[in-house]
Protein backbone atom coordinates (compact mmCIF):
# COMPACT_ATOMS: atom_id res chain seq x y z
CA MET A 1 0.81 -7.52 0.57
CA LYS A 2 0.68 -9.12 -2.83
CA PHE A 3 2.92 -8.49 -5.82
CA THR A 4 3.34 -10.10 -9.21
CA VAL A 5 6.53 -10.61 -11.17
CA ASN A 6 6.38 -11.38 -14.88
CA VAL A 7 9.44 -13.03 -16.38
CA GLU A 8 9.88 -13.59 -20.08
CA CYS A 9 12.15 -16.49 -20.88
CA SER A 10 12.30 -19.54 -23.08
CA PRO A 11 11.62 -23.02 -21.69
CA GLU A 12 15.36 -23.74 -22.00
CA GLU A 13 16.23 -20.65 -19.94
CA ALA A 14 13.63 -21.55 -17.30
CA ARG A 15 14.96 -25.11 -17.08
CA ARG A 16 18.53 -23.90 -16.57
CA PHE A 17 17.42 -21.28 -14.02
CA ILE A 18 15.56 -23.85 -11.94
CA GLY A 19 18.46 -26.30 -12.25
CA LEU A 20 16.70 -29.12 -14.06
CA PRO A 21 18.85 -31.45 -16.18
CA ASP A 22 18.82 -31.27 -19.97
CA VAL A 23 17.06 -34.45 -21.11
CA THR A 24 17.03 -33.56 -24.82
CA PRO A 25 19.57 -36.28 -25.80
CA LEU A 26 17.64 -38.91 -23.84
CA ASN A 27 14.36 -37.81 -25.41
CA GLU A 28 15.86 -37.95 -28.91
CA ALA A 29 17.23 -41.46 -28.27
CA ILE A 30 13.83 -42.67 -27.06
CA VAL A 31 12.05 -41.15 -30.06
CA GLN A 32 14.54 -42.75 -32.46
CA GLU A 33 14.09 -46.17 -30.80
CA MET A 34 10.31 -45.88 -30.91
CA THR A 35 10.46 -44.85 -34.57
CA LYS A 36 12.69 -47.80 -35.38
CA ARG A 37 10.34 -50.24 -33.63
CA MET A 38 7.27 -48.79 -35.32
CA GLU A 39 8.88 -49.06 -38.74
CA ALA A 40 9.83 -52.68 -38.01
CA ASN A 41 6.23 -53.50 -37.05
CA VAL A 42 4.49 -51.78 -39.96
CA ALA A 43 4.05 -55.15 -41.69
CA LEU A 44 1.97 -56.35 -38.74
CA MET A 45 -0.51 -53.56 -39.38
CA SER A 46 -1.57 -54.87 -42.77
CA PRO A 47 -5.24 -55.88 -42.78
CA ASP A 48 -4.43 -59.41 -43.93
CA THR A 49 -1.96 -60.03 -41.08
CA MET A 50 -4.27 -58.49 -38.50
CA MET A 51 -7.23 -60.63 -39.56
CA LYS A 52 -5.15 -63.82 -39.47
CA SER A 53 -3.97 -62.95 -35.96
CA TRP A 54 -7.45 -62.09 -34.71
CA MET A 55 -9.09 -65.12 -36.27
CA SER A 56 -6.61 -67.58 -34.76
CA VAL A 57 -7.14 -66.14 -31.29
CA GLY A 58 -10.90 -65.96 -31.83
CA THR A 59 -11.27 -69.64 -32.72
CA GLN A 60 -9.08 -70.72 -29.81
CA ALA A 61 -11.15 -68.68 -27.38
CA GLN A 62 -14.36 -70.01 -28.90
CA ASP A 63 -13.14 -73.61 -28.58
CA ALA A 64 -12.07 -73.05 -24.96
CA PHE A 65 -15.46 -71.53 -24.10
CA LEU A 66 -17.32 -74.39 -25.74
CA LYS A 67 -15.23 -76.94 -23.83
CA LEU A 68 -15.87 -75.08 -20.55
CA MET A 69 -19.62 -75.03 -21.14
CA THR A 70 -19.71 -78.68 -22.17
CA THR A 71 -17.75 -79.74 -19.11
CA SER A 72 -19.89 -77.62 -16.80
CA ALA A 73 -23.13 -78.92 -18.25
CA GLY A 74 -21.91 -82.51 -18.04
CA ALA A 75 -20.85 -82.06 -14.42
CA ALA A 76 -24.21 -80.50 -13.52
CA PHE A 77 -26.16 -83.43 -14.91
CA LYS A 78 -23.88 -86.05 -13.33
CA ALA A 79 -23.88 -84.41 -9.87
CA PRO A 80 -25.41 -86.56 -7.14
CA ASP A 81 -28.73 -85.42 -5.75
CA LYS A 82 -28.24 -84.01 -2.20
CA THR A 83 -31.92 -84.04 -1.14
């Protein structure tokens, strides 16, 4: 036997009926904190600041890669012949 029950209720009524806790205050606090942090970091989203940040990391990575390749190539040419 199969039967269907349709219940019309709001999400709040369903939450209370099932016994789930009301997390609305916690959600509001989290949203306020995220909003505050985003507003504080808006200055970091300016194109000038972003380019300065990316360029400093880019040159450091490029220098590290160049040093790695130079060291590897030097070690390969100085390695003793094992024949």
